Amino acid sequence: MTHTKCSPAHTATPWTNCIMVKDDRSNPTAIEIGEYVKESVLASPIEDFHFILATKADGKQYDVCHVGNGPDSAENCRHITVCVNAHSHLLVALDSILALSLQSKLEESDPLVKEARTLLAALK
């Protein structure tokens, strides 16, 4: 599928990684999850429902993330994909920044060092 309709920006951050549970904190059934996804898809035009594909170790493609229900979906999907694809490169870049900061004798309180450490912790 090709989608050409894109919103100007992804949904504002912060975002939260969640696992679906019911109000009583028990796990939902497969049927309940299916109903939830169905309601999410029906809440907006079908063009607003996207998913992210990945090829796993078995060589098959799987949908690893569903993104839907709203005009920001295309950009949210793009944003997630860019972040995941850039993850390992960011780790290397941040490690390099910290190594260079040690060589140039930057203090731990330097804003660049603090930001690099914060990002590195969030990405690991």
PDB file of N, CA and C in Angstrom:
ATOM      1  N   MET A   1       0.838  -1.189   0.000  1.00  0.00           N
ATOM      2  CA  MET A   1       0.000   0.000   0.000  1.00  0.00           C
ATOM      3  C   MET A   1       0.874   1.241   0.000  1.00  0.00           C
ATOM      4  N   THR A   2       0.429   2.255  -0.712  1.00  0.00           N
ATOM      5  CA  THR A   2       1.133   3.532  -0.728  1.00  0.00           C
ATOM      6  C   THR A   2       0.199   4.591  -0.183  1.00  0.00           C
ATOM      7  N   HIS A   3       0.712   5.400   0.714  1.00  0.00           N
ATOM      8  CA  HIS A   3      -0.082   6.478   1.286  1.00  0.00           C
ATOM      9  C   HIS A   3       0.572   7.798   0.927  1.00  0.00           C
ATOM     10  N   THR A   4      -0.202   8.686   0.358  1.00  0.00           N
ATOM     11  CA  THR A   4       0.353   9.989   0.005  1.00  0.00           C
ATOM     12  C   THR A   4      -0.128  11.082   0.934  1.00  0.00           C
ATOM     13  N   LYS A   5      -1.191  10.822   1.685  1.00  0.00           N
ATOM     14  CA  LYS A   5      -1.724  11.828   2.599  1.00  0.00           C
ATOM     15  C   LYS A   5      -0.898  11.842   3.877  1.00  0.00           C
ATOM     16  N   CYS A   6      -0.276  12.947   4.190  1.00  0.00           N
ATOM     17  CA  CYS A   6       0.528  13.060   5.409  1.00  0.00           C
ATOM     18  C   CYS A   6       0.153  14.318   6.167  1.00  0.00           C
ATOM     19  N   SER A   7       0.132  14.226   7.470  1.00  0.00           N
ATOM     20  CA  SER A   7      -0.110  15.403   8.285  1.00  0.00           C
ATOM     21  C   SER A   7       1.198  16.166   8.440  1.00  0.00           C
ATOM     22  N   PRO A   8       1.147  17.429   8.847  1.00  0.00           N
ATOM     23  CA  PRO A   8       2.372  18.216   8.936  1.00  0.00           C
ATOM     24  C   PRO A   8       3.330  17.766  10.033  1.00  0.00           C
ATOM     25  N   ALA A   9       2.853  17.083  11.044  1.00  0.00           N
ATOM     26  CA  ALA A   9       3.745  16.687  12.137  1.00  0.00           C
ATOM     27  C   ALA A   9       3.156  15.506  12.890  1.00  0.00           C
ATOM     28  N   HIS A  10       4.033  14.794  13.597  1.00  0.00           N
ATOM     29  CA  HIS A  10       3.569  13.688  14.424  1.00  0.00           C
ATOM     30  C   HIS A  10       2.913  14.231  15.688  1.00  0.00           C
ATOM     31  N   THR A  11       2.242  13.370  16.410  1.00  0.00           N
ATOM     32  CA  THR A  11       1.613  13.730  17.675  1.00  0.00           C
ATOM     33  C   THR A  11       2.687  14.216  18.649  1.00  0.00           C
ATOM     34  N   ALA A  12       2.372  15.249  19.379  1.00  0.00           N
ATOM     35  CA  ALA A  12       3.334  15.831  20.325  1.00  0.00           C
ATOM     36  C   ALA A  12       3.792  14.798  21.352  1.00  0.00           C
ATOM     37  N   THR A  13       5.026  14.927  21.775  1.00  0.00           N
ATOM     38  CA  THR A  13       5.572  14.057  22.821  1.00  0.00           C
ATOM     39  C   THR A  13       5.276  14.669  24.184  1.00  0.00           C
ATOM     40  N   PRO A  14       5.418  13.941  25.265  1.00  0.00           N
ATOM     41  CA  PRO A  14       6.005  12.611  25.359  1.00  0.00           C
ATOM     42  C   PRO A  14       5.017  11.506  24.987  1.00  0.00           C
ATOM     43  N   TRP A  15       5.558  10.407  24.513  1.00  0.00           N
ATOM     44  CA  TRP A  15       4.786   9.210  24.222  1.00  0.00           C
ATOM     45  C   TRP A  15       5.101   8.188  25.311  1.00  0.00           C
ATOM     46  N   THR A  16       4.206   7.234  25.500  1.00  0.00           N
ATOM     47  CA  THR A  16       4.394   6.223  26.538  1.00  0.00           C
ATOM     48  C   THR A  16       4.276   4.831  25.938  1.00  0.00           C
ATOM     49  N   ASN A  17       5.209   3.959  26.275  1.00  0.00           N
ATOM     50  CA  ASN A  17       5.191   2.561  25.874  1.00  0.00           C
ATOM     51  C   ASN A  17       4.262   1.838  26.849  1.00  0.00           C
ATOM     52  N   CYS A  18       3.235   1.193  26.348  1.00  0.00           N
ATOM     53  CA  CYS A  18       2.234   0.567  27.226  1.00  0.00           C
ATOM     54  C   CYS A  18       1.965  -0.874  26.813  1.00  0.00           C
ATOM     55  N   ILE A  19       1.440  -1.620  27.749  1.00  0.00           N
ATOM     56  CA  ILE A  19       0.875  -2.930  27.454  1.00  0.00           C
ATOM     57  C   ILE A  19      -0.607  -2.825  27.799  1.00  0.00           C
ATOM     58  N   MET A  20      -1.437  -3.406  26.964  1.00  0.00           N
ATOM     59  CA  MET A  20      -2.872  -3.287  27.170  1.00  0.00           C
ATOM     60  C   MET A  20      -3.325  -4.182  28.323  1.00  0.00           C
ATOM     61  N   VAL A  21      -4.028  -3.574  29.266  1.00  0.00           N
ATOM     62  CA  VAL A  21      -4.662  -4.316  30.354  1.00  0.00           C
ATOM     63  C   VAL A  21      -6.073  -3.759  30.533  1.00  0.00           C
ATOM     64  N   LYS A  22      -6.899  -4.551  31.154  1.00  0.00           N
ATOM     65  CA  LYS A  22      -8.273  -4.107  31.433  1.00  0.00           C
ATOM     66  C   LYS A  22      -8.283  -3.246  32.694  1.00  0.00           C
ATOM     67  N   ASP A  23      -9.403  -2.624  32.982  1.00  0.00           N
ATOM     68  CA  ASP A  23      -9.511  -1.746  34.151  1.00  0.00           C
ATOM     69  C   ASP A  23      -9.135  -2.454  35.452  1.00  0.00           C
ATOM     70  N   ASP A  24      -9.401  -3.751  35.531  1.00  0.00           N
ATOM     71  CA  ASP A  24      -9.060  -4.494  36.745  1.00  0.00           C
ATOM     72  C   ASP A  24      -7.612  -5.007  36.729  1.00  0.00           C
ATOM     73  N   ARG A  25      -6.821  -4.556  35.748  1.00  0.00           N
ATOM     74  CA  ARG A  25      -5.398  -4.879  35.557  1.00  0.00           C
ATOM     75  C   ARG A  25      -5.161  -6.299  35.048  1.00  0.00           C
ATOM     76  N   SER A  26      -6.233  -7.017  34.666  1.00  0.00           N
ATOM     77  CA  SER A  26      -6.059  -8.354  34.084  1.00  0.00           C
ATOM     78  C   SER A  26      -5.793  -8.217  32.579  1.00  0.00           C
ATOM     79  N   ASN A  27      -5.294  -9.295  31.988  1.00  0.00           N
ATOM     80  CA  ASN A  27      -4.997  -9.283  30.564  1.00  0.00           C
ATOM     81  C   ASN A  27      -6.280  -9.397  29.746  1.00  0.00           C
ATOM     82  N   PRO A  28      -6.377  -8.622  28.665  1.00  0.00           N
ATOM     83  CA  PRO A  28      -7.545  -8.771  27.801  1.00  0.00           C
ATOM     84  C   PRO A  28      -7.435 -10.050  26.976  1.00  0.00           C
ATOM     85  N   THR A  29      -8.553 -10.532  26.522  1.00  0.00           N
ATOM     86  CA  THR A  29      -8.552 -11.700  25.641  1.00  0.00           C
ATOM     87  C   THR A  29      -8.209 -11.244  24.223  1.00  0.00           C
ATOM     88  N   ALA A  30      -7.901 -12.202  23.366  1.00  0.00           N
ATOM     89  CA  ALA A  30      -7.617 -11.883  21.961  1.00  0.00           C
ATOM     90  C   ALA A  30      -8.825 -11.207  21.316  1.00  0.00           C
ATOM     91  N   ILE A  31     -10.006 -11.622  21.678  1.00  0.00           N
ATOM     92  CA  ILE A  31     -11.231 -11.015  21.122  1.00  0.00           C
ATOM     93  C   ILE A  31     -11.354  -9.568  21.591  1.00  0.00           C
ATOM     94  N   GLU A  32     -11.054  -9.298  22.856  1.00  0.00           N
ATOM     95  CA  GLU A  32     -11.121  -7.918  23.365  1.00  0.00           C
ATOM     96  C   GLU A  32     -10.089  -7.018  22.687  1.00  0.00           C
ATOM     97  N   ILE A  33      -8.883  -7.542  22.459  1.00  0.00           N
ATOM     98  CA  ILE A  33      -7.868  -6.756  21.753  1.00  0.00           C
ATOM     99  C   ILE A  33      -8.328  -6.502  20.315  1.00  0.00           C
ATOM    100  N   GLY A  34      -8.866  -7.517  19.691  1.00  0.00           N
ATOM    101  CA  GLY A  34      -9.393  -7.357  18.330  1.00  0.00           C
ATOM    102  C   GLY A  34     -10.479  -6.296  18.258  1.00  0.00           C
ATOM    103  N   GLU A  35     -11.362  -6.283  19.240  1.00  0.00           N
ATOM    104  CA  GLU A  35     -12.424  -5.268  19.291  1.00  0.00           C
ATOM    105  C   GLU A  35     -11.835  -3.867  19.469  1.00  0.00           C
ATOM    106  N   TYR A  36     -10.821  -3.770  20.316  1.00  0.00           N
ATOM    107  CA  TYR A  36     -10.161  -2.477  20.546  1.00  0.00           C
ATOM    108  C   TYR A  36      -9.535  -1.965  19.251  1.00  0.00           C
ATOM    109  N   VAL A  37      -8.816  -2.836  18.560  1.00  0.00           N
ATOM    110  CA  VAL A  37      -8.188  -2.435  17.291  1.00  0.00           C
ATOM    111  C   VAL A  37      -9.265  -2.066  16.280  1.00  0.00           C
ATOM    112  N   LYS A  38     -10.316  -2.858  16.211  1.00  0.00           N
ATOM    113  CA  LYS A  38     -11.411  -2.565  15.274  1.00  0.00           C
ATOM    114  C   LYS A  38     -12.009  -1.191  15.554  1.00  0.00           C
ATOM    115  N   GLU A  39     -12.261  -0.878  16.809  1.00  0.00           N
ATOM    116  CA  GLU A  39     -12.818   0.431  17.167  1.00  0.00           C
ATOM    117  C   GLU A  39     -11.848   1.563  16.819  1.00  0.00           C
ATOM    118  N   SER A  40     -10.551   1.314  16.994  1.00  0.00           N
ATOM    119  CA  SER A  40      -9.547   2.321  16.623  1.00  0.00           C
ATOM    120  C   SER A  40      -9.562   2.577  15.123  1.00  0.00           C
ATOM    121  N   VAL A  41      -9.661   1.514  14.350  1.00  0.00           N
ATOM    122  CA  VAL A  41      -9.699   1.652  12.890  1.00  0.00           C
ATOM    123  C   VAL A  41     -10.974   2.373  12.461  1.00  0.00           C
ATOM    124  N   LEU A  42     -12.083   2.048  13.078  1.00  0.00           N
ATOM    125  CA  LEU A  42     -13.361   2.650  12.700  1.00  0.00           C
ATOM    126  C   LEU A  42     -13.494   4.109  13.150  1.00  0.00           C
ATOM    127  N   ALA A  43     -12.640   4.550  14.074  1.00  0.00           N
ATOM    128  CA  ALA A  43     -12.727   5.908  14.617  1.00  0.00           C
ATOM    129  C   ALA A  43     -12.296   6.975  13.611  1.00  0.00           C
ATOM    130  N   SER A  44     -11.600   6.596  12.564  1.00  0.00           N
ATOM    131  CA  SER A  44     -11.079   7.550  11.578  1.00  0.00           C
ATOM    132  C   SER A  44     -11.182   6.954  10.187  1.00  0.00           C
ATOM    133  N   PRO A  45     -10.959   7.779   9.173  1.00  0.00           N
ATOM    134  CA  PRO A  45     -10.937   7.228   7.812  1.00  0.00           C
ATOM    135  C   PRO A  45      -9.858   6.156   7.681  1.00  0.00           C
ATOM    136  N   ILE A  46     -10.091   5.177   6.831  1.00  0.00           N
ATOM    137  CA  ILE A  46      -9.172   4.052   6.689  1.00  0.00           C
ATOM    138  C   ILE A  46      -7.770   4.511   6.276  1.00  0.00           C
ATOM    139  N   GLU A  47      -7.663   5.665   5.594  1.00  0.00           N
ATOM    140  CA  GLU A  47      -6.337   6.174   5.207  1.00  0.00           C
ATOM    141  C   GLU A  47      -5.491   6.556   6.411  1.00  0.00           C
ATOM    142  N   ASP A  48      -6.116   6.725   7.573  1.00  0.00           N
ATOM    143  CA  ASP A  48      -5.390   7.108   8.782  1.00  0.00           C
ATOM    144  C   ASP A  48      -4.852   5.907   9.553  1.00  0.00           C
ATOM    145  N   PHE A  49      -5.071   4.695   9.042  1.00  0.00           N
ATOM    146  CA  PHE A  49      -4.579   3.492   9.716  1.00  0.00           C
ATOM    147  C   PHE A  49      -3.331   3.002   8.983  1.00  0.00           C
ATOM    148  N   HIS A  50      -2.221   2.925   9.686  1.00  0.00           N
ATOM    149  CA  HIS A  50      -0.933   2.520   9.112  1.00  0.00           C
ATOM    150  C   HIS A  50      -0.334   1.401   9.953  1.00  0.00           C
ATOM    151  N   PHE A  51       0.628   0.709   9.370  1.00  0.00           N
ATOM    152  CA  PHE A  51       1.365  -0.276  10.148  1.00  0.00           C
ATOM    153  C   PHE A  51       2.809  -0.280   9.684  1.00  0.00           C
ATOM    154  N   ILE A  52       3.676  -0.795  10.534  1.00  0.00           N
ATOM    155  CA  ILE A  52       5.105  -0.847  10.262  1.00  0.00           C
ATOM    156  C   ILE A  52       5.492  -2.306  10.058  1.00  0.00           C
ATOM    157  N   LEU A  53       6.195  -2.565   8.967  1.00  0.00           N
ATOM    158  CA  LEU A  53       6.651  -3.908   8.641  1.00  0.00           C
ATOM    159  C   LEU A  53       8.123  -4.070   8.993  1.00  0.00           C
ATOM    160  N   ALA A  54       8.489  -5.278   9.373  1.00  0.00           N
ATOM    161  CA  ALA A  54       9.891  -5.619   9.601  1.00  0.00           C
ATOM    162  C   ALA A  54      10.108  -7.053   9.153  1.00  0.00           C
ATOM    163  N   THR A  55      11.297  -7.321   8.629  1.00  0.00           N
ATOM    164  CA  THR A  55      11.669  -8.683   8.264  1.00  0.00           C
ATOM    165  C   THR A  55      12.383  -9.285   9.466  1.00  0.00           C
ATOM    166  N   LYS A  56      11.848 -10.386   9.942  1.00  0.00           N
ATOM    167  CA  LYS A  56      12.420 -11.048  11.125  1.00  0.00           C
ATOM    168  C   LYS A  56      13.434 -12.111  10.704  1.00  0.00           C
ATOM    169  N   ALA A  57      14.036 -12.756  11.688  1.00  0.00           N
ATOM    170  CA  ALA A  57      15.122 -13.717  11.444  1.00  0.00           C
ATOM    171  C   ALA A  57      14.705 -14.849  10.507  1.00  0.00           C
ATOM    172  N   ASP A  58      13.421 -15.185  10.483  1.00  0.00           N
ATOM    173  CA  ASP A  58      12.958 -16.271   9.605  1.00  0.00           C
ATOM    174  C   ASP A  58      12.803 -15.823   8.155  1.00  0.00           C
ATOM    175  N   GLY A  59      13.125 -14.536   7.873  1.00  0.00           N
ATOM    176  CA  GLY A  59      13.046 -14.012   6.514  1.00  0.00           C
ATOM    177  C   GLY A  59      11.657 -13.530   6.102  1.00  0.00           C
ATOM    178  N   LYS A  60      10.688 -13.693   6.978  1.00  0.00           N
ATOM    179  CA  LYS A  60       9.320 -13.266   6.665  1.00  0.00           C
ATOM    180  C   LYS A  60       9.076 -11.851   7.174  1.00  0.00           C
ATOM    181  N   GLN A  61       8.171 -11.148   6.479  1.00  0.00           N
ATOM    182  CA  GLN A  61       7.784  -9.810   6.928  1.00  0.00           C
ATOM    183  C   GLN A  61       6.604  -9.917   7.886  1.00  0.00           C
ATOM    184  N   TYR A  62       6.686  -9.117   8.949  1.00  0.00           N
ATOM    185  CA  TYR A  62       5.620  -9.078   9.949  1.00  0.00           C
ATOM    186  C   TYR A  62       5.246  -7.628  10.208  1.00  0.00           C
ATOM    187  N   ASP A  63       3.977  -7.402  10.536  1.00  0.00           N
ATOM    188  CA  ASP A  63       3.613  -6.067  10.995  1.00  0.00           C
ATOM    189  C   ASP A  63       3.956  -6.007  12.479  1.00  0.00           C
ATOM    190  N   VAL A  64       4.837  -5.075  12.841  1.00  0.00           N
ATOM    191  CA  VAL A  64       5.338  -4.991  14.207  1.00  0.00           C
ATOM    192  C   VAL A  64       4.705  -3.850  14.988  1.00  0.00           C
ATOM    193  N   CYS A  65       3.937  -3.012  14.291  1.00  0.00           N
ATOM    194  CA  CYS A  65       3.301  -1.888  14.976  1.00  0.00           C
ATOM    195  C   CYS A  65       2.123  -1.395  14.152  1.00  0.00           C
ATOM    196  N   HIS A  66       1.013  -1.177  14.813  1.00  0.00           N
ATOM    197  CA  HIS A  66      -0.150  -0.564  14.165  1.00  0.00           C
ATOM    198  C   HIS A  66      -0.250   0.873  14.642  1.00  0.00           C
ATOM    199  N   VAL A  67      -0.466   1.783  13.715  1.00  0.00           N
ATOM    200  CA  VAL A  67      -0.584   3.199  14.042  1.00  0.00           C
ATOM    201  C   VAL A  67      -1.877   3.684  13.395  1.00  0.00           C
ATOM    202  N   GLY A  68      -2.784   4.196  14.213  1.00  0.00           N
ATOM    203  CA  GLY A  68      -4.040   4.607  13.610  1.00  0.00           C
ATOM    204  C   GLY A  68      -4.835   5.555  14.457  1.00  0.00           C
ATOM    205  N   ASN A  69      -5.902   5.902  13.904  1.00  0.00           N
ATOM    206  CA  ASN A  69      -6.974   6.730  14.443  1.00  0.00           C
ATOM    207  C   ASN A  69      -6.575   8.180  14.626  1.00  0.00           C
ATOM    208  N   GLY A  70      -6.472   8.826  13.491  1.00  0.00           N
ATOM    209  CA  GLY A  70      -6.256  10.261  13.500  1.00  0.00           C
ATOM    210  C   GLY A  70      -5.411  10.739  12.343  1.00  0.00           C
ATOM    211  N   PRO A  71      -5.485  12.013  12.064  1.00  0.00           N
ATOM    212  CA  PRO A  71      -4.756  12.565  10.926  1.00  0.00           C
ATOM    213  C   PRO A  71      -3.241  12.583  11.107  1.00  0.00           C
ATOM    214  N   ASP A  72      -2.737  12.343  12.334  1.00  0.00           N
ATOM    215  CA  ASP A  72      -1.292  12.306  12.570  1.00  0.00           C
ATOM    216  C   ASP A  72      -0.694  10.922  12.304  1.00  0.00           C
ATOM    217  N   SER A  73      -1.508   9.962  11.943  1.00  0.00           N
ATOM    218  CA  SER A  73      -1.047   8.574  11.836  1.00  0.00           C
ATOM    219  C   SER A  73       0.116   8.392  10.880  1.00  0.00           C
ATOM    220  N   ALA A  74       0.056   8.988   9.706  1.00  0.00           N
ATOM    221  CA  ALA A  74       1.140   8.817   8.726  1.00  0.00           C
ATOM    222  C   ALA A  74       2.455   9.338   9.288  1.00  0.00           C
ATOM    223  N   GLU A  75       2.427  10.501   9.901  1.00  0.00           N
ATOM    224  CA  GLU A  75       3.652  11.066  10.473  1.00  0.00           C
ATOM    225  C   GLU A  75       4.094  10.297  11.713  1.00  0.00           C
ATOM    226  N   ASN A  76       3.156   9.817  12.514  1.00  0.00           N
ATOM    227  CA  ASN A  76       3.528   8.991  13.668  1.00  0.00           C
ATOM    228  C   ASN A  76       4.224   7.723  13.190  1.00  0.00           C
ATOM    229  N   CYS A  77       3.707   7.109  12.158  1.00  0.00           N
ATOM    230  CA  CYS A  77       4.292   5.893  11.597  1.00  0.00           C
ATOM    231  C   CYS A  77       5.700   6.185  11.073  1.00  0.00           C
ATOM    232  N   ARG A  78       5.852   7.285  10.350  1.00  0.00           N
ATOM    233  CA  ARG A  78       7.155   7.676   9.828  1.00  0.00           C
ATOM    234  C   ARG A  78       8.132   7.947  10.976  1.00  0.00           C
ATOM    235  N   HIS A  79       7.651   8.651  11.999  1.00  0.00           N
ATOM    236  CA  HIS A  79       8.482   9.013  13.146  1.00  0.00           C
ATOM    237  C   HIS A  79       8.998   7.759  13.869  1.00  0.00           C
ATOM    238  N   ILE A  80       8.127   6.812  14.113  1.00  0.00           N
ATOM    239  CA  ILE A  80       8.517   5.566  14.780  1.00  0.00           C
ATOM    240  C   ILE A  80       9.559   4.835  13.941  1.00  0.00           C
ATOM    241  N   THR A  81       9.328   4.738  12.649  1.00  0.00           N
ATOM    242  CA  THR A  81      10.242   4.029  11.755  1.00  0.00           C
ATOM    243  C   THR A  81      11.616   4.682  11.729  1.00  0.00           C
ATOM    244  N   VAL A  82      11.657   6.003  11.624  1.00  0.00           N
ATOM    245  CA  VAL A  82      12.932   6.724  11.616  1.00  0.00           C
ATOM    246  C   VAL A  82      13.676   6.489  12.926  1.00  0.00           C
ATOM    247  N   CYS A  83      12.967   6.588  14.038  1.00  0.00           N
ATOM    248  CA  CYS A  83      13.620   6.401  15.346  1.00  0.00           C
ATOM    249  C   CYS A  83      14.186   4.998  15.505  1.00  0.00           C
ATOM    250  N   VAL A  84      13.426   4.000  15.134  1.00  0.00           N
ATOM    251  CA  VAL A  84      13.899   2.618  15.255  1.00  0.00           C
ATOM    252  C   VAL A  84      15.091   2.385  14.333  1.00  0.00           C
ATOM    253  N   ASN A  85      14.991   2.853  13.093  1.00  0.00           N
ATOM    254  CA  ASN A  85      16.074   2.639  12.136  1.00  0.00           C
ATOM    255  C   ASN A  85      17.345   3.402  12.518  1.00  0.00           C
ATOM    256  N   ALA A  86      17.211   4.511  13.212  1.00  0.00           N
ATOM    257  CA  ALA A  86      18.372   5.329  13.596  1.00  0.00           C
ATOM    258  C   ALA A  86      18.974   4.917  14.941  1.00  0.00           C
ATOM    259  N   HIS A  87      18.312   4.056  15.676  1.00  0.00           N
ATOM    260  CA  HIS A  87      18.693   3.729  17.049  1.00  0.00           C
ATOM    261  C   HIS A  87      20.167   3.355  17.195  1.00  0.00           C
ATOM    262  N   SER A  88      20.636   2.371  16.437  1.00  0.00           N
ATOM    263  CA  SER A  88      22.029   1.926  16.608  1.00  0.00           C
ATOM    264  C   SER A  88      23.013   3.023  16.210  1.00  0.00           C
ATOM    265  N   HIS A  89      22.671   3.808  15.201  1.00  0.00           N
ATOM    266  CA  HIS A  89      23.538   4.916  14.793  1.00  0.00           C
ATOM    267  C   HIS A  89      23.612   5.986  15.886  1.00  0.00           C
ATOM    268  N   LEU A  90      22.501   6.230  16.551  1.00  0.00           N
ATOM    269  CA  LEU A  90      22.491   7.199  17.641  1.00  0.00           C
ATOM    270  C   LEU A  90      23.365   6.740  18.808  1.00  0.00           C
ATOM    271  N   LEU A  91      23.311   5.460  19.129  1.00  0.00           N
ATOM    272  CA  LEU A  91      24.144   4.931  20.217  1.00  0.00           C
ATOM    273  C   LEU A  91      25.630   5.152  19.912  1.00  0.00           C
ATOM    274  N   VAL A  92      26.035   4.858  18.687  1.00  0.00           N
ATOM    275  CA  VAL A  92      27.434   5.051  18.291  1.00  0.00           C
ATOM    276  C   VAL A  92      27.799   6.532  18.362  1.00  0.00           C
ATOM    277  N   ALA A  93      26.916   7.392  17.848  1.00  0.00           N
ATOM    278  CA  ALA A  93      27.195   8.835  17.848  1.00  0.00           C
ATOM    279  C   ALA A  93      27.311   9.374  19.272  1.00  0.00           C
ATOM    280  N   LEU A  94      26.424   8.944  20.148  1.00  0.00           N
ATOM    281  CA  LEU A  94      26.475   9.421  21.531  1.00  0.00           C
ATOM    282  C   LEU A  94      27.718   8.910  22.256  1.00  0.00           C
ATOM    283  N   ASP A  95      28.086   7.659  22.015  1.00  0.00           N
ATOM    284  CA  ASP A  95      29.325   7.147  22.600  1.00  0.00           C
ATOM    285  C   ASP A  95      30.521   7.954  22.102  1.00  0.00           C
ATOM    286  N   SER A  96      30.504   8.325  20.828  1.00  0.00           N
ATOM    287  CA  SER A  96      31.594   9.134  20.252  1.00  0.00           C
ATOM    288  C   SER A  96      31.641  10.519  20.882  1.00  0.00           C
ATOM    289  N   ILE A  97      30.473  11.114  21.084  1.00  0.00           N
ATOM    290  CA  ILE A  97      30.417  12.434  21.724  1.00  0.00           C
ATOM    291  C   ILE A  97      31.018  12.359  23.127  1.00  0.00           C
ATOM    292  N   LEU A  98      30.663  11.326  23.875  1.00  0.00           N
ATOM    293  CA  LEU A  98      31.190  11.191  25.238  1.00  0.00           C
ATOM    294  C   LEU A  98      32.699  10.929  25.225  1.00  0.00           C
ATOM    295  N   ALA A  99      33.166  10.131  24.277  1.00  0.00           N
ATOM    296  CA  ALA A  99      34.607   9.880  24.183  1.00  0.00           C
ATOM    297  C   ALA A  99      35.347  11.175  23.841  1.00  0.00           C
ATOM    298  N   LEU A 100      34.812  11.954  22.909  1.00  0.00           N
ATOM    299  CA  LEU A 100      35.439  13.231  22.554  1.00  0.00           C
ATOM    300  C   LEU A 100      35.397  14.215  23.718  1.00  0.00           C
ATOM    301  N   SER A 101      34.321  14.156  24.482  1.00  0.00           N
ATOM    302  CA  SER A 101      34.213  15.074  25.625  1.00  0.00           C
ATOM    303  C   SER A 101      35.278  14.756  26.670  1.00  0.00           C
ATOM    304  N   LEU A 102      35.619  13.482  26.826  1.00  0.00           N
ATOM    305  CA  LEU A 102      36.683  13.104  27.762  1.00  0.00           C
ATOM    306  C   LEU A 102      38.042  13.594  27.263  1.00  0.00           C
ATOM    307  N   GLN A 103      38.269  13.455  25.943  1.00  0.00           N
ATOM    308  CA  GLN A 103      39.534  13.912  25.361  1.00  0.00           C
ATOM    309  C   GLN A 103      39.706  15.419  25.482  1.00  0.00           C
ATOM    310  N   SER A 104      38.603  16.135  25.352  1.00  0.00           N
ATOM    311  CA  SER A 104      38.695  17.598  25.428  1.00  0.00           C
ATOM    312  C   SER A 104      38.485  18.106  26.847  1.00  0.00           C
ATOM    313  N   LYS A 105      38.393  17.166  27.788  1.00  0.00           N
ATOM    314  CA  LYS A 105      38.298  17.494  29.215  1.00  0.00           C
ATOM    315  C   LYS A 105      37.040  18.288  29.570  1.00  0.00           C
ATOM    316  N   LEU A 106      35.931  17.990  28.877  1.00  0.00           N
ATOM    317  CA  LEU A 106      34.673  18.629  29.243  1.00  0.00           C
ATOM    318  C   LEU A 106      34.219  18.092  30.592  1.00  0.00           C
ATOM    319  N   GLU A 107      33.647  18.940  31.382  1.00  0.00           N
ATOM    320  CA  GLU A 107      33.156  18.562  32.706  1.00  0.00           C
ATOM    321  C   GLU A 107      31.831  17.797  32.561  1.00  0.00           C
ATOM    322  N   GLU A 108      31.554  16.953  33.548  1.00  0.00           N
ATOM    323  CA  GLU A 108      30.275  16.229  33.569  1.00  0.00           C
ATOM    324  C   GLU A 108      29.091  17.188  33.566  1.00  0.00           C
ATOM    325  N   SER A 109      29.286  18.390  34.078  1.00  0.00           N
ATOM    326  CA  SER A 109      28.197  19.365  34.139  1.00  0.00           C
ATOM    327  C   SER A 109      27.984  20.098  32.815  1.00  0.00           C
ATOM    328  N   ASP A 110      28.853  19.888  31.841  1.00  0.00           N
ATOM    329  CA  ASP A 110      28.698  20.530  30.534  1.00  0.00           C
ATOM    330  C   ASP A 110      27.365  20.081  29.916  1.00  0.00           C
ATOM    331  N   PRO A 111      26.583  21.004  29.371  1.00  0.00           N
ATOM    332  CA  PRO A 111      25.271  20.649  28.802  1.00  0.00           C
ATOM    333  C   PRO A 111      25.339  19.558  27.723  1.00  0.00           C
ATOM    334  N   LEU A 112      26.380  19.568  26.896  1.00  0.00           N
ATOM    335  CA  LEU A 112      26.527  18.545  25.863  1.00  0.00           C
ATOM    336  C   LEU A 112      26.718  17.165  26.483  1.00  0.00           C
ATOM    337  N   VAL A 113      27.539  17.081  27.502  1.00  0.00           N
ATOM    338  CA  VAL A 113      27.790  15.811  28.175  1.00  0.00           C
ATOM    339  C   VAL A 113      26.522  15.339  28.869  1.00  0.00           C
ATOM    340  N   LYS A 114      25.853  16.230  29.554  1.00  0.00           N
ATOM    341  CA  LYS A 114      24.617  15.866  30.262  1.00  0.00           C
ATOM    342  C   LYS A 114      23.555  15.368  29.287  1.00  0.00           C
ATOM    343  N   GLU A 115      23.389  16.069  28.159  1.00  0.00           N
ATOM    344  CA  GLU A 115      22.392  15.669  27.161  1.00  0.00           C
ATOM    345  C   GLU A 115      22.757  14.323  26.539  1.00  0.00           C
ATOM    346  N   ALA A 116      24.036  14.129  26.218  1.00  0.00           N
ATOM    347  CA  ALA A 116      24.473  12.851  25.637  1.00  0.00           C
ATOM    348  C   ALA A 116      24.214  11.705  26.608  1.00  0.00           C
ATOM    349  N   ARG A 117      24.508  11.893  27.886  1.00  0.00           N
ATOM    350  CA  ARG A 117      24.276  10.839  28.885  1.00  0.00           C
ATOM    351  C   ARG A 117      22.774  10.553  29.045  1.00  0.00           C
ATOM    352  N   THR A 118      21.968  11.606  29.046  1.00  0.00           N
ATOM    353  CA  THR A 118      20.515  11.432  29.167  1.00  0.00           C
ATOM    354  C   THR A 118      19.966  10.641  27.982  1.00  0.00           C
ATOM    355  N   LEU A 119      20.382  11.026  26.770  1.00  0.00           N
ATOM    356  CA  LEU A 119      19.921  10.323  25.574  1.00  0.00           C
ATOM    357  C   LEU A 119      20.400   8.882  25.547  1.00  0.00           C
ATOM    358  N   LEU A 120      21.644   8.669  25.905  1.00  0.00           N
ATOM    359  CA  LEU A 120      22.204   7.321  25.917  1.00  0.00           C
ATOM    360  C   LEU A 120      21.426   6.428  26.889  1.00  0.00           C
ATOM    361  N   ALA A 121      21.115   6.947  28.060  1.00  0.00           N
ATOM    362  CA  ALA A 121      20.350   6.176  29.040  1.00  0.00           C
ATOM    363  C   ALA A 121      18.951   5.840  28.515  1.00  0.00           C
ATOM    364  N   ALA A 122      18.337   6.792  27.833  1.00  0.00           N
ATOM    365  CA  ALA A 122      16.983   6.568  27.296  1.00  0.00           C
ATOM    366  C   ALA A 122      16.979   5.544  26.162  1.00  0.00           C
ATOM    367  N   LEU A 123      18.053   5.482  25.400  1.00  0.00           N
ATOM    368  CA  LEU A 123      18.108   4.604  24.241  1.00  0.00           C
ATOM    369  C   LEU A 123      18.561   3.182  24.555  1.00  0.00           C
ATOM    370  N   LYS A 124      19.163   2.991  25.728  1.00  0.00           N
ATOM    371  CA  LYS A 124      19.658   1.635  26.066  1.00  0.00           C
ATOM    372  C   LYS A 124      18.613   0.827  26.779  1.00  0.00           C
TER     373      LYS A 124
END
